[in-house]
Protein backbone atom coordinates (compact mmCIF):
# COMPACT_ATOMS: atom_id res chain seq x y z
CA MET A 1 0.00 0.00 0.00
CA ALA A 2 2.81 2.43 0.87
CA GLU A 3 4.45 1.63 -2.44
CA LEU A 4 1.21 2.46 -4.29
CA ARG A 5 0.89 5.80 -2.50
CA GLN A 6 4.49 6.68 -3.32
CA ARG A 7 3.97 5.76 -6.96
CA ALA A 8 0.77 7.86 -7.12
CA ALA A 9 2.58 10.84 -5.61
CA VAL A 10 5.39 10.51 -8.14
CA GLU A 11 2.88 10.26 -11.00
CA MET A 12 0.97 13.33 -9.71
CA GLU A 13 4.20 15.34 -9.45
CA ALA A 14 5.14 14.27 -12.94
CA THR A 15 1.70 15.29 -14.19
CA ILE A 16 1.99 18.76 -12.60
CA ASP A 17 5.51 19.16 -13.96
CA SER A 18 4.28 18.28 -17.45
CA ILE A 19 1.87 21.22 -17.52
CA SER A 20 3.16 23.98 -19.78
CA ASP A 21 4.08 27.34 -18.26
CA ASP A 22 1.34 29.10 -20.22
CA LEU A 23 -1.34 26.70 -18.94
CA LEU A 24 0.00 26.92 -15.40
CA HIS A 25 0.04 30.72 -15.67
CA ASN A 26 -3.61 30.58 -16.76
CA ILE A 27 -4.57 28.35 -13.83
CA LEU A 28 -2.72 30.28 -11.16
CA SER A 29 -4.03 33.63 -12.43
CA ARG A 30 -7.56 32.50 -11.51
CA LEU A 31 -6.76 31.85 -7.86
CA PRO A 32 -7.92 34.21 -5.11
CA ALA A 33 -5.18 36.37 -3.61
CA LEU A 34 -4.72 34.28 -0.44
CA ALA A 35 -4.71 30.94 -2.28
CA CYS A 36 -2.25 32.38 -4.79
CA ALA A 37 0.08 33.43 -1.96
CA ASN A 38 -0.07 29.89 -0.54
CA ALA A 39 0.55 28.35 -3.97
CA ALA A 40 3.75 30.36 -4.28
CA CYS A 41 5.20 28.09 -1.58
CA VAL A 42 4.63 24.85 -3.55
CA ASN A 43 7.83 24.92 -5.57
CA ARG A 44 10.27 27.24 -7.30
CA SER A 45 8.48 27.10 -10.66
CA TRP A 46 5.14 28.13 -9.16
CA ASN A 47 6.81 30.84 -7.10
CA LEU A 48 8.38 32.33 -10.23
CA ILE A 49 5.07 32.36 -12.12
CA ILE A 50 3.17 33.87 -9.20
CA THR A 51 5.89 36.48 -8.65
CA ASN A 52 5.46 37.50 -12.29
CA LEU A 53 1.66 37.56 -11.86
CA LEU A 54 1.89 39.82 -8.82
CA SER A 55 4.26 42.15 -10.68
CA LEU A 56 1.60 43.02 -13.25
CA PRO A 57 -0.41 46.26 -12.89
CA ASN A 58 -3.66 45.79 -11.04
CA LEU A 59 -6.56 47.98 -10.00
CA SER A 60 -9.35 46.00 -8.35
CA SER A 61 -12.62 47.49 -7.18
CA ALA A 62 -15.95 46.26 -5.82
CA LEU A 63 -19.17 47.84 -4.57
CA SER A 64 -21.66 46.49 -2.06
CA ILE A 65 -25.01 47.98 -1.04
CA ASN A 66 -25.61 45.46 1.71
CA PRO A 67 -27.33 47.28 4.63
CA SER A 68 -25.03 45.49 7.09
CA LEU A 69 -21.66 47.25 7.35
CA GLN A 70 -19.78 44.06 8.18
CA ASP A 71 -21.42 42.10 5.36
CA ALA A 72 -20.82 44.95 2.90
CA VAL A 73 -17.12 45.10 3.79
CA ASN A 74 -16.83 41.31 3.60
CA GLU A 75 -18.44 41.24 0.15
CA ALA A 76 -16.22 44.03 -1.19
CA VAL A 77 -13.00 42.59 0.26
CA GLU A 78 -13.78 39.08 -0.99
CA LYS A 79 -14.36 40.41 -4.50
CA VAL A 80 -11.25 42.62 -4.76
CA LEU A 81 -9.13 39.71 -3.47
CA SER A 82 -10.78 37.12 -5.72
CA LYS A 83 -7.79 37.27 -8.09
CA PRO A 84 -4.05 37.54 -7.48
CA VAL A 85 -3.16 41.01 -6.21
CA ARG A 86 -0.55 42.49 -3.90
CA PRO A 87 -2.18 45.77 -2.76
CA GLN A 88 0.03 48.81 -2.31
CA PHE A 89 -2.90 50.93 -1.11
CA ALA A 90 -6.63 50.82 -0.48
CA ILE A 91 -9.43 53.41 -0.60
CA ALA A 92 -12.80 52.63 1.00
CA SER A 93 -15.79 54.94 0.43
CA ILE A 94 -18.87 54.40 2.59
CA GLY A 95 -22.38 55.76 2.97
CA PRO A 96 -23.31 58.24 5.72
CA THR A 97 -25.43 55.67 7.57
CA PHE A 98 -22.35 53.60 8.40
CA SER A 99 -19.92 54.41 11.21
CA LEU A 100 -16.66 55.74 9.78
CA GLN A 101 -14.67 54.40 12.73
CA GLN A 102 -16.17 50.91 12.50
CA ALA A 103 -15.77 50.79 8.72
CA HIS A 104 -12.12 51.80 8.97
CA GLN A 105 -11.47 49.14 11.61
CA LEU A 106 -13.13 46.46 9.48
CA VAL A 107 -11.23 47.38 6.32
CA THR A 108 -7.84 47.65 8.03
CA GLY A 109 -8.54 44.39 9.86
CA LYS A 110 -9.11 42.63 6.54
CA LEU A 111 -6.22 44.19 4.61
CA GLY A 112 -3.65 44.54 7.40
CA SER A 113 -1.58 47.38 8.76
CA LYS A 114 1.28 47.40 6.27
CA ILE A 115 -0.33 49.39 3.44
CA PRO A 116 -1.78 52.92 3.30
CA ILE A 117 -5.57 52.80 3.72
CA ILE A 118 -8.00 55.72 3.52
CA THR A 119 -11.63 55.30 4.59
CA LEU A 120 -14.01 58.16 3.84
CA ILE A 121 -17.67 59.11 3.78
CA SER A 122 -18.45 60.22 0.23
CA GLN A 123 -21.52 61.70 -1.47
CA GLY A 124 -22.08 58.49 -3.45
CA ILE A 125 -20.32 55.61 -5.17
CA PHE A 126 -20.32 53.77 -8.48
CA GLY A 127 -18.68 50.61 -9.70
CA ARG A 128 -19.35 46.91 -10.24
CA ASN A 129 -21.43 45.12 -7.64
CA ALA A 130 -19.49 42.50 -5.71
CA VAL A 131 -22.42 40.06 -5.88
CA ASP A 132 -23.59 40.11 -9.51
CA ASP A 133 -20.81 42.16 -11.22
CA GLU A 134 -23.39 44.61 -12.58
CA PHE A 135 -22.40 48.27 -12.81
CA GLU A 136 -24.25 50.42 -10.26
CA GLU A 137 -24.46 54.09 -9.37
CA VAL A 138 -25.54 55.09 -5.85
CA GLN A 139 -25.90 58.72 -4.82
CA TRP A 140 -26.84 59.34 -1.20
CA GLN A 141 -29.19 61.89 0.31
CA PHE A 142 -27.68 63.94 3.14
CA ILE A 143 -30.47 65.01 5.49
CA GLU A 144 -29.75 67.52 8.25
CA ASN A 145 -32.71 66.39 10.37
CA GLU A 146 -32.59 62.60 10.12
CA GLU A 147 -35.34 62.18 12.74
CA ALA A 148 -37.78 63.94 10.41
CA HIS A 149 -36.78 61.62 7.53
CA PRO A 150 -36.23 58.20 9.11
CA ASP A 151 -36.57 56.33 5.80
CA HIS A 152 -33.49 57.99 4.29
CA GLY A 153 -31.22 56.23 6.77
CA ASN A 154 -32.20 52.92 5.21
CA GLU A 155 -31.05 54.10 1.79
CA ASN A 156 -27.75 55.77 2.68
CA HIS A 157 -25.62 52.66 2.95
CA GLY A 158 -22.97 51.08 0.78
CA VAL A 159 -19.25 50.42 0.47
CA LEU A 160 -16.87 50.88 -2.44
CA LEU A 161 -13.43 49.33 -1.98
CA THR A 162 -10.54 49.95 -4.38
CA VAL A 163 -7.08 48.40 -4.07
CA GLY A 164 -4.16 48.79 -6.43
CA PHE A 165 -0.69 47.66 -7.35
CA PHE A 166 1.26 49.96 -9.68
CA PRO A 167 4.55 48.47 -10.92
CA GLY A 168 7.57 50.73 -10.67
CA LEU A 169 6.01 52.94 -8.02
CA LYS A 170 5.97 53.17 -4.26
CA VAL A 171 3.02 54.62 -2.37
CA SER A 172 3.33 56.86 0.68
CA LEU A 173 0.56 58.42 2.77
CA ILE A 174 1.21 61.90 4.16
CA PRO A 175 -1.38 63.97 6.07
CA LEU A 176 -1.92 67.71 5.94
CA LEU A 177 -2.03 68.73 9.58
CA SER A 178 -3.88 71.67 11.04
CA LYS A 179 -3.09 73.31 14.36
CA THR A 180 -6.14 73.41 16.56
CA GLN A 181 -5.10 76.79 17.93
CA GLY A 182 -3.25 79.87 16.73
CA PRO A 183 -2.81 81.58 13.33
CA GLN A 184 -1.83 79.84 10.07
CA ALA A 185 -3.55 76.67 11.17
CA LEU A 186 -2.94 74.69 7.97
CA MET A 187 0.62 73.36 7.89
CA ILE A 188 0.88 73.43 4.10
CA ASP A 189 4.63 74.05 3.92
CA GLU A 190 5.24 71.03 6.12
CA LEU A 191 3.08 68.88 3.83
CA VAL A 192 5.12 70.00 0.80
CA ARG A 193 8.42 69.37 2.57
CA ASN A 194 7.31 65.90 3.72
CA ILE A 195 6.26 64.93 0.19
CA ARG A 196 9.51 66.30 -1.27
CA GLU A 197 11.66 64.44 1.26
CA CYS A 198 9.75 61.20 0.80
CA SER A 199 9.92 61.44 -2.99
CA SER A 200 13.64 62.32 -2.98
CA SER A 201 14.47 59.34 -0.76
CA VAL A 202 12.72 56.91 -3.12
CA SER A 203 13.21 58.35 -6.59
CA GLY A 204 15.95 60.97 -6.31
CA SER A 205 13.41 63.58 -7.48
CA ALA A 206 11.60 66.03 -5.21
CA SER A 207 8.43 65.69 -7.30
CA PRO A 208 6.25 62.56 -7.12
CA VAL A 209 4.61 61.01 -10.16
CA ALA A 210 1.13 61.64 -8.80
CA ILE A 211 -0.72 62.81 -5.69
CA LEU A 212 -4.20 61.58 -4.81
CA LEU A 213 -5.67 64.09 -2.36
CA PHE A 214 -8.65 63.88 0.01
CA SER A 215 -9.78 66.73 2.27
CA ASP A 216 -12.45 67.26 4.90
CA HIS A 217 -15.47 69.51 4.47
CA GLU A 218 -14.08 72.34 6.62
CA THR A 219 -10.74 72.79 4.84
CA ASP A 220 -10.32 75.54 2.25
CA MET A 221 -8.25 73.69 -0.36
CA LYS A 222 -7.51 76.74 -2.52
CA PRO A 223 -4.31 77.82 -0.66
CA VAL A 224 -3.25 74.16 -0.37
CA LEU A 225 -3.54 73.57 -4.11
CA GLN A 226 -1.82 76.88 -4.89
CA LYS A 227 1.31 75.67 -3.09
CA LEU A 228 1.17 72.11 -4.40
CA ASP A 229 0.88 73.38 -7.97
CA TYR A 230 3.76 75.78 -7.34
CA ALA A 231 6.02 73.28 -5.55
CA PHE A 232 6.04 70.30 -7.92
CA CYS A 233 7.08 69.88 -11.54
CA PRO A 234 4.39 70.23 -14.22
CA GLU A 235 4.41 66.47 -14.88
CA THR A 236 3.16 65.63 -11.36
CA VAL A 237 -0.51 64.65 -11.54
CA ILE A 238 -2.69 66.00 -8.71
CA VAL A 239 -6.30 64.84 -8.44
CA GLY A 240 -8.78 64.01 -5.71
CA GLU A 241 -11.90 65.11 -3.91
CA GLY A 242 -12.81 67.57 -1.19
CA GLY A 243 -15.55 67.80 1.39
CA SER A 244 -15.45 64.34 2.97
CA GLN A 245 -14.82 62.89 6.42
CA PHE A 246 -11.93 60.45 6.50
CA LEU A 247 -9.64 58.24 8.55
CA TYR A 248 -6.33 56.80 7.44
CA GLN A 249 -3.45 54.52 8.24
CA GLY A 250 0.02 54.31 6.73
CA GLU A 251 3.53 53.41 7.79
CA ALA A 252 4.95 56.67 6.40
CA ALA A 253 2.24 58.81 7.96
CA VAL A 254 2.76 60.64 11.21
CA ASN A 255 -0.74 60.21 12.57
CA HIS A 256 -1.65 63.02 14.96
CA CYS A 257 -5.33 62.07 15.17
CA ASN A 258 -5.02 61.53 18.93
CA ASP A 259 -2.90 64.65 19.47
CA ALA A 260 -4.96 67.52 20.90
CA GLU A 261 -2.64 70.05 19.25
CA TYR A 262 -3.28 68.84 15.69
CA SER A 263 -6.02 67.53 13.47
CA SER A 264 -5.82 66.10 9.95
CA ALA A 265 -7.31 68.48 7.38
CA ALA A 266 -6.42 66.39 4.32
CA VAL A 267 -4.38 63.36 3.36
CA ALA A 268 -2.19 62.76 0.31
CA LEU A 269 -1.45 59.43 -1.33
CA SER A 270 1.86 60.07 -3.08
CA PHE A 271 2.97 57.79 -5.91
CA LEU A 272 6.75 57.81 -6.18
CA ARG A 273 9.02 56.47 -8.95
CA ASP A 274 11.03 53.62 -7.40
CA THR A 275 14.62 53.68 -8.62
CA GLY A 276 15.34 50.47 -6.74
CA ASN A 277 13.23 48.29 -9.00
CA PRO A 278 14.72 45.02 -10.29
CA PRO A 279 15.22 44.64 -14.07
CA GLY A 280 12.14 43.94 -16.14
CA ILE A 281 9.73 46.30 -14.36
CA GLY A 282 7.83 48.56 -16.73
CA GLU A 283 6.41 52.05 -16.25
CA THR A 284 3.06 53.07 -14.76
CA GLN A 285 1.65 56.33 -16.12
CA PHE A 286 -1.28 58.54 -15.13
CA HIS A 287 -3.57 60.41 -17.51
CA VAL A 288 -6.16 63.01 -16.45
CA VAL A 289 -9.29 64.02 -18.33
CA LEU A 290 -11.43 66.86 -16.93
CA ALA A 291 -15.07 67.38 -17.87
CA PRO A 292 -16.20 70.80 -16.53
CA GLY A 293 -19.88 71.45 -15.98
CA ILE A 294 -19.84 75.25 -16.13
CA ALA A 295 -19.53 77.66 -19.04
CA GLN A 296 -18.45 81.31 -19.36
CA ILE A 297 -21.16 83.93 -19.79
CA GLY A 298 -21.03 87.69 -20.03
CA PRO A 299 -18.15 90.17 -20.15
CA THR A 300 -15.00 90.45 -18.07
CA TYR A 301 -15.16 92.48 -14.85
CA LYS A 302 -12.49 93.91 -12.57
CA ALA A 303 -12.97 93.94 -8.79
CA VAL A 304 -12.98 97.45 -7.29
CA ALA A 305 -14.07 97.45 -3.64
CA VAL A 306 -13.46 94.15 -1.85
CA LYS A 307 -14.45 93.25 1.71
CA GLU A 308 -13.52 89.86 3.13
CA ARG A 309 -15.74 88.32 5.79
CA PRO A 310 -13.66 85.48 7.31
CA ARG A 311 -16.29 84.80 9.96
CA ASP A 312 -18.82 83.56 7.43
CA PHE A 313 -16.18 82.75 4.76
CA SER A 314 -17.52 85.16 2.16
CA THR A 315 -16.46 88.21 0.15
CA TRP A 316 -18.44 91.35 -0.69
CA LEU A 317 -17.37 93.23 -3.81
CA THR A 318 -18.17 95.82 -6.41
CA ALA A 319 -16.66 95.76 -9.90
CA LYS A 320 -16.52 97.52 -13.23
CA ARG A 321 -16.55 96.23 -16.76
CA GLU A 322 -13.32 96.48 -18.70
CA ALA A 323 -12.84 99.85 -20.44
CA GLN A 324 -15.54 101.42 -18.25
CA VAL A 325 -15.14 103.76 -15.28
CA GLU A 326 -18.45 103.25 -13.49
CA SER A 327 -18.46 100.77 -10.57
CA LEU A 328 -21.29 98.28 -10.51
CA ASP A 329 -23.08 96.82 -7.53
CA GLY A 330 -24.14 93.20 -7.30
CA LEU A 331 -27.67 93.74 -8.60
CA SER A 332 -26.42 95.65 -11.64
CA MET A 333 -23.95 92.89 -12.52
CA LEU A 334 -26.56 90.16 -12.17
CA ASP A 335 -29.05 92.16 -14.27
CA GLN A 336 -26.44 92.55 -17.03
CA ILE A 337 -25.68 88.85 -16.98
CA TYR A 338 -29.38 88.00 -16.98
CA ASP A 339 -30.04 90.30 -19.95
CA GLU A 340 -27.15 88.86 -21.97
CA PHE A 341 -27.80 85.24 -21.02
CA GLY A 342 -31.53 85.39 -21.63
CA GLY A 343 -32.25 82.25 -19.62
CA ASP A 344 -33.51 81.32 -16.20
CA LEU A 345 -30.37 82.47 -14.45
CA TYR A 346 -31.79 82.45 -10.95
CA CYS A 347 -32.58 78.72 -11.08
CA SER A 348 -29.01 77.74 -11.98
CA ALA A 349 -25.77 77.59 -10.04
CA LEU A 350 -23.73 80.72 -10.73
CA TYR A 351 -20.00 81.27 -10.08
CA ILE A 352 -17.31 83.79 -10.81
CA GLY A 353 -13.97 82.60 -12.12
CA VAL A 354 -11.38 84.99 -10.66
CA SER A 355 -7.97 85.42 -12.32
CA LYS A 356 -5.32 85.96 -9.64
CA ARG A 357 -1.65 86.93 -9.69
CA ARG A 358 0.00 86.07 -6.41
CA LYS A 359 3.44 85.53 -4.91
CA CYS A 360 4.08 82.04 -3.60
CA SER A 361 6.91 80.35 -1.70
CA ILE A 362 7.62 77.31 0.45
CA GLY A 363 9.22 78.12 3.80
CA LYS A 364 12.12 80.52 3.38
CA GLU A 365 12.50 79.93 -0.36
CA ARG A 366 12.50 82.95 -2.62
CA ALA A 367 8.94 83.81 -3.66
CA SER A 368 7.81 83.65 -7.29
CA TRP A 369 4.72 84.83 -9.10
CA ILE A 370 1.95 82.35 -9.83
CA TYR A 371 -1.08 82.86 -12.07
CA LEU A 372 -4.28 81.01 -11.24
CA GLN A 373 -8.02 80.96 -11.65
CA GLU A 374 -10.31 80.08 -8.75
CA PHE A 375 -14.07 79.69 -8.67
CA HIS A 376 -16.32 81.35 -6.08
CA GLU A 377 -20.02 80.59 -5.85
CA VAL A 378 -22.30 83.62 -6.20
CA LEU A 379 -24.53 83.85 -3.13
CA ARG A 380 -26.62 86.90 -4.05
CA GLY A 381 -26.44 90.52 -5.15
CA ASP A 382 -28.04 93.75 -3.96
CA GLU A 383 -27.70 97.47 -4.53
CA GLU A 384 -24.41 97.53 -2.58
CA TYR A 385 -22.40 94.40 -3.30
CA LEU A 386 -22.05 91.10 -5.08
CA TYR A 387 -21.74 88.43 -2.39
CA VAL A 388 -19.64 85.35 -3.16
CA ASN A 389 -18.44 82.36 -1.19
CA GLY A 390 -14.82 82.15 -0.09
CA VAL A 391 -11.98 84.58 0.46
CA GLY A 392 -8.75 85.49 -1.34
CA ILE A 393 -10.09 88.03 -3.87
CA ARG A 394 -8.27 91.36 -4.19
CA SER A 395 -9.06 94.70 -5.73
CA GLY A 396 -7.88 94.65 -9.35
CA ASP A 397 -8.52 90.91 -9.89
CA SER A 398 -10.47 90.27 -13.09
CA PHE A 399 -13.32 87.78 -13.27
CA GLN A 400 -16.05 86.35 -15.46
CA PHE A 401 -19.33 84.71 -14.57
CA TYR A 402 -19.75 80.97 -15.09
CA LEU A 403 -23.07 79.14 -15.23
CA ALA A 404 -23.68 75.47 -14.45
CA ASN A 405 -26.26 74.09 -16.84
CA ALA A 406 -27.24 70.99 -18.80
CA ASN A 407 -25.62 72.08 -22.07
CA ALA A 408 -22.22 72.67 -20.48
CA THR A 409 -22.43 69.36 -18.64
CA ARG A 410 -23.37 67.34 -21.72
CA ASP A 411 -20.80 69.08 -23.91
CA SER A 412 -18.06 68.34 -21.38
CA CYS A 413 -19.14 64.71 -21.24
CA ASN A 414 -18.87 64.46 -25.03
CA ASN A 415 -15.47 66.14 -24.98
CA ALA A 416 -14.28 63.69 -22.32
CA SER A 417 -15.41 60.81 -24.52
CA ASN A 418 -13.47 62.27 -27.45
CA ASN A 419 -10.34 62.69 -25.30
CA LEU A 420 -10.56 59.10 -24.09
CA THR A 421 -11.05 57.90 -27.66
CA CYS A 422 -7.88 59.78 -28.62
CA LEU A 423 -6.02 58.16 -25.70
CA LYS A 424 -7.16 54.74 -26.85
CA ARG A 425 -6.12 55.52 -30.42
CA ASP A 426 -2.69 56.71 -29.27
CA LEU A 427 -2.17 53.49 -27.31
CA ASP A 428 -3.20 51.40 -30.31
CA HIS A 429 -0.76 53.34 -32.49
CA GLN A 430 2.09 52.84 -30.01
CA ASN A 431 1.30 49.14 -29.81
CA SER A 432 1.13 48.64 -33.57
CA GLY A 433 4.88 48.03 -33.73
CA ARG A 434 5.12 45.86 -30.61
CA SER A 435 5.44 42.11 -30.69
CA THR A 436 2.56 39.97 -29.45
CA SER A 437 2.32 36.62 -27.69
CA ASN A 438 -0.18 34.60 -25.70
CA ASN A 439 0.21 37.02 -22.76
CA VAL A 440 -0.85 40.04 -24.77
CA ASN A 441 -1.30 42.37 -21.82
CA SER A 442 2.27 41.79 -20.68
CA LYS A 443 3.67 42.88 -24.04
CA LYS A 444 1.59 45.92 -24.91
CA LYS A 445 1.12 49.33 -23.37
CA SER A 446 -2.40 49.25 -21.99
CA VAL A 447 -4.90 50.99 -19.75
CA PHE A 448 -5.57 48.91 -16.64
CA GLY A 449 -7.86 51.11 -14.55
CA CYS A 450 -9.67 54.38 -13.94
CA ILE A 451 -10.85 56.20 -10.81
CA MET A 452 -13.44 58.93 -11.33
CA PHE A 453 -14.48 61.84 -9.11
CA SER A 454 -17.78 63.44 -10.09
CA CYS A 455 -19.62 66.42 -8.61
CA CYS A 456 -22.69 65.34 -6.67
CA GLY A 457 -24.66 68.13 -8.38
CA ARG A 458 -24.09 67.03 -11.99
CA GLY A 459 -26.73 64.32 -11.86
CA LYS A 460 -29.64 66.77 -11.88
CA PHE A 461 -28.65 67.85 -15.41
CA PHE A 462 -28.87 64.29 -16.78
CA LEU A 463 -32.08 62.51 -17.69
CA GLN A 464 -30.33 59.14 -17.45
CA PRO A 465 -27.97 57.63 -14.86
CA ILE A 466 -24.30 56.80 -15.38
CA LEU A 467 -23.91 59.31 -18.23
CA ASP A 468 -20.59 60.53 -16.82
CA CYS A 469 -19.42 56.93 -16.67
CA SER A 470 -20.15 56.25 -20.34
CA PRO A 471 -17.04 58.00 -21.83
CA PHE A 472 -14.71 55.54 -20.12
CA MET A 473 -16.95 52.48 -20.24
CA GLU A 474 -17.54 52.85 -23.98
CA ASN A 475 -13.83 53.15 -24.74
CA PHE A 476 -12.51 50.62 -22.21
CA PRO A 477 -15.45 48.31 -21.41
CA GLU A 478 -13.42 45.51 -19.78
CA ILE A 479 -11.20 47.68 -17.60
CA THR A 480 -11.66 48.28 -13.85
CA PHE A 481 -13.60 51.50 -13.38
CA SER A 482 -15.10 52.99 -10.23
CA GLY A 483 -15.35 56.23 -8.32
CA THR A 484 -17.23 58.56 -6.02
CA PHE A 485 -19.50 61.57 -6.01
CA SER A 486 -17.90 64.51 -4.25
CA ALA A 487 -18.49 68.06 -3.06
CA ALA A 488 -15.37 69.43 -4.81
CA GLU A 489 -13.21 68.00 -7.58
CA ILE A 490 -9.44 68.38 -7.64
CA ALA A 491 -7.53 68.23 -10.92
CA ARG A 492 -4.33 70.13 -11.62
CA GLY A 493 -4.18 71.76 -15.03
CA ASP A 494 -4.87 74.81 -17.18
CA LEU A 495 -8.12 76.31 -18.47
CA SER A 496 -8.19 74.50 -21.82
CA PRO A 497 -11.01 72.08 -20.79
CA TYR A 498 -13.27 75.12 -20.32
CA GLY A 499 -13.03 76.11 -23.98
CA PRO A 500 -10.82 78.37 -26.10
CA VAL A 501 -8.28 80.24 -23.97
CA SER A 502 -7.00 83.71 -24.82
CA GLU A 503 -3.28 84.41 -24.86
CA GLU A 504 -3.78 86.55 -21.75
CA HIS A 505 -5.18 83.56 -19.83
CA SER A 506 -2.95 80.84 -21.31
CA SER A 507 -0.70 80.80 -18.25
CA LEU A 508 -3.54 80.53 -15.71
CA ARG A 509 -3.62 77.38 -13.59
CA CYS A 510 -6.77 75.85 -12.13
CA CYS A 511 -6.80 72.99 -9.61
CA LEU A 512 -10.18 73.09 -7.83
CA HIS A 513 -13.32 72.69 -9.92
CA VAL A 514 -17.09 72.78 -9.54
CA TYR A 515 -19.83 70.76 -11.28
CA SER A 516 -17.06 68.75 -12.91
CA THR A 517 -15.95 65.17 -13.43
CA VAL A 518 -12.32 64.05 -13.21
CA TYR A 519 -11.09 60.83 -14.79
CA LEU A 520 -7.77 59.46 -13.50
CA ILE A 521 -6.64 56.79 -15.97
CA MET A 522 -3.75 54.43 -15.29
CA SER A 523 -1.70 52.80 -18.06
CA TYR A 524 1.31 50.49 -18.06
CA THR A 525 4.21 50.19 -20.48
CA PRO A 526 6.13 46.90 -20.16
CA ALA A 527 9.91 47.03 -20.02
CA SER A 528 11.67 46.38 -23.31
CA PRO A 529 13.48 43.02 -23.61
CA SER A 530 16.85 44.78 -23.35
CA THR A 531 16.05 46.09 -19.85
């Protein structure tokens, strides 16, 4: 009997050894992440194949609308780990009904303490359902008086979990701290220095490849983004969302959440080029497409009298039209815009886009001029002033009105689709000269994922759901795609997505957007055989 067992074992080993590498690669690539990690211990051949599998780019995402927080997290985690993946980071977005603290504990308990993890309450989520793999879009209702609307609590649940592995990059989590007392509460310079030092230690460059930024609802991100745009090279991608509650963990993060002197106003996931990679590792790249939902209307104005009201975070101003001497009050400006627009202006969201020239520096560095455009929501106008949200406007700043409407939203969606089609065409052109084999994705430059941030207010302009998702899904239907609805959209860039730009405004930078959608697309270029 012992001899028969030994012979069977030998025959089984011989059978396994006779399987071709391609077939074995196919089999092992279908294993869940944990089973794949265990299989890597079987023998040297399997370990080599699995090491190669785990070195491929991977963005995995799953959504659950289970009303039980624990069950929703379990479903999402099981789905994202249903295939081989070695997560470098994780982002969990949850509904307002769920406890942020409990959700963060559940997610970190499942994924461990060795990777950066951000858990946040978002305005809504979209992605593929963990149970049936159908694409879903869930936008939550935020009710101030929940006792008066008890049924809404039953609808505001859900979890979206996204994990990723980006070859050639390291991921570091760095918080933006705010002093709880005293002036200059936001420690922006320290954030910049920490990112620079971390990036320099990994890549030899002070600028990271990309920064994924999340902020809370009380933080004014305009001065933060001014300095980030100033501090890093133009190639650094900066995207994210504002206006959410969040918790985080990360080895590189100095977590002051329990320190009474500090609080975390925002958190940055920094993606750093790893110069210590072994041979054969390709290059991960980021591509950003912005779809604005507002359009310019009316003439250009210049601010004359400006009064900041820090207590209620607003600005009162008068202005004059270019080439005119007479100052205009808020009611006069709104009447002019209404007459020229000819539509139902008072039922739409109205903003001013203010062009600003400011000096900027980090720490004791020599200051330089920066040129930027920032949007301020119009609150109202009367016979004295135009009242807008936010501060930071100065006398002499020029501005134009911008209107959020259905036409601007749909046009931007179509433009985003065209831009993504061009990206796909460019990739196809670059791949036309590359060699192919059975493992096509390992030989060609390809898109492997997309994270989208969309304004929670855009949906009211669409008569059908998931319209903002269609530009990516139509061009890359089989690729991982998910995202969140947000209160503010972050995307570093110029004004070109808003339409034709005059020479005067060609140098203006814009990083914080309204009624917009941001697509962050990830692509991977394999290393050439010579490397």
